[in-house]
Amino acid sequence: MISNTSPIIFLSKINKLDLLKRLFREISIPSQVKEELLIVGKPGLIGIQEAFKDGWIAVLEPKENLPLGLGKGETAAISLAKERKEALIVDDAVSVKVAQSL
C-alpha cells in the first residue's frame, strides 16, 4: 500500500495511525512524502516517528515522477503506485481523479 502525506498525518493526529499498520502491515511512501511528514512541530509527529522507527513505514522511490501537475508528494506517491501496481491512499479530490485516470 502506498500513501500520500495527509492520511498518515490525519490518523496520527487522532492517535489512530496503528489502523494503517493493522490493515496493511506496511505502508510505502516516497521520500517527498517523508519530508512532508517529518516537519518539526507538525501535529502527530511523534506517532509518525515511531512508525518509522518500528519499520512499518518504508521509503521507496519511483523510477520516474510522472508530469501530473500536482504537488511533489502527490506526484511521487501516484507515480510509485502506478509503477508498482499497488493501491494508493490519497485524500485530495484532484489527486484521486488523476490516480483513477492512470
Protein backbone atom coordinates (compact mmCIF):
# COMPACT_ATOMS: atom_id res chain seq x y z
CA MET A 1 0.00 0.00 0.00
CA ILE A 2 1.33 3.41 -1.00
CA SER A 3 0.26 6.52 0.91
CA ASN A 4 0.35 10.24 0.47
CA THR A 5 1.09 12.59 3.36
CA SER A 6 -2.34 13.68 4.59
CA PRO A 7 -3.85 10.29 5.51
CA ILE A 8 -0.83 9.50 7.68
CA ILE A 9 -0.88 12.91 9.37
CA PHE A 10 -4.63 12.88 9.99
CA LEU A 11 -4.58 9.40 11.54
CA SER A 12 -1.54 10.24 13.66
CA LYS A 13 -3.19 13.44 14.94
CA ILE A 14 -6.08 11.39 16.36
CA ASN A 15 -3.81 8.60 17.65
CA LYS A 16 -5.14 6.09 15.10
CA LEU A 17 -2.05 5.61 12.93
CA ASP A 18 -1.99 1.98 14.05
CA LEU A 19 -5.07 1.39 11.86
CA LEU A 20 -2.83 1.54 8.79
CA LYS A 21 -0.43 -0.96 10.32
CA ARG A 22 -3.24 -3.34 11.27
CA LEU A 23 -4.90 -3.11 7.86
CA PHE A 24 -1.85 -3.20 5.60
CA ARG A 25 1.14 -4.30 7.78
CA GLU A 26 3.41 -1.97 5.80
CA ILE A 27 2.96 1.39 4.11
CA SER A 28 5.35 2.60 1.43
CA ILE A 29 5.96 6.26 0.74
CA PRO A 30 8.37 8.21 -1.48
CA SER A 31 10.99 10.46 0.11
CA GLN A 32 8.98 13.57 -0.83
CA VAL A 33 6.16 12.34 1.41
CA LYS A 34 8.63 11.54 4.20
CA GLU A 35 9.92 15.12 4.07
CA GLU A 36 6.36 16.43 4.42
CA LEU A 37 5.68 14.08 7.35
CA LEU A 38 8.76 14.88 9.42
CA ILE A 39 8.37 18.64 9.76
CA VAL A 40 9.17 19.66 13.32
CA GLY A 41 6.12 20.92 15.18
CA LYS A 42 3.64 19.18 12.85
CA PRO A 43 0.78 17.57 14.80
CA GLY A 44 1.12 13.79 15.08
CA LEU A 45 4.89 13.86 14.56
CA ILE A 46 5.72 11.56 17.49
CA GLY A 47 3.46 8.76 16.21
CA ILE A 48 4.90 9.10 12.73
CA GLN A 49 8.47 8.97 14.04
CA GLU A 50 7.59 5.81 15.98
CA ALA A 51 6.18 4.20 12.82
CA PHE A 52 9.46 4.87 11.01
CA LYS A 53 11.43 3.55 13.98
CA ASP A 54 9.30 0.39 14.06
CA GLY A 55 9.92 -0.03 10.32
CA TRP A 56 6.36 -0.43 9.07
CA ILE A 57 6.50 2.79 7.06
CA ALA A 58 9.12 2.26 4.36
CA VAL A 59 10.56 4.73 1.87
CA LEU A 60 10.61 3.66 -1.78
CA GLU A 61 11.36 5.82 -4.78
CA PRO A 62 9.59 5.78 -8.13
CA LYS A 63 11.94 5.36 -11.06
CA GLU A 64 10.29 8.35 -12.69
CA ASN A 65 7.92 11.04 -11.45
CA LEU A 66 5.11 11.45 -13.93
CA PRO A 67 4.30 15.03 -15.06
CA LEU A 68 0.96 15.27 -13.23
CA GLY A 69 0.81 18.94 -12.27
CA LEU A 70 0.33 18.10 -8.58
CA GLY A 71 2.46 18.74 -5.50
CA LYS A 72 5.73 16.85 -5.07
CA GLY A 73 4.35 14.38 -2.54
CA GLU A 74 1.18 13.58 -4.51
CA THR A 75 3.12 13.25 -7.76
CA ALA A 76 5.70 10.90 -6.27
CA ALA A 77 3.10 8.77 -4.44
CA ILE A 78 0.91 8.37 -7.55
CA SER A 79 3.97 7.65 -9.71
CA LEU A 80 5.15 5.00 -7.25
CA ALA A 81 1.72 3.36 -7.02
CA LYS A 82 1.37 3.24 -10.81
CA GLU A 83 4.87 1.86 -11.28
CA ARG A 84 4.46 -0.85 -8.61
CA LYS A 85 0.80 -1.51 -9.49
CA GLU A 86 -0.17 -1.07 -5.84
CA ALA A 87 -3.16 0.53 -4.17
CA LEU A 88 -2.87 4.16 -3.11
CA ILE A 89 -4.25 6.12 -0.18
CA VAL A 90 -4.89 9.79 -1.03
CA ASP A 91 -7.44 12.26 0.27
CA ASP A 92 -7.27 15.14 -2.20
CA ALA A 93 -10.09 15.04 -4.79
CA VAL A 94 -7.87 16.16 -7.66
CA SER A 95 -5.21 13.58 -6.78
CA VAL A 96 -7.88 10.87 -6.60
CA LYS A 97 -9.14 11.77 -10.10
CA VAL A 98 -5.61 11.82 -11.52
CA ALA A 99 -4.79 8.45 -9.93
CA GLN A 100 -8.02 6.92 -11.21
CA SER A 101 -7.28 8.15 -14.72
CA LEU A 102 -4.00 6.23 -14.69
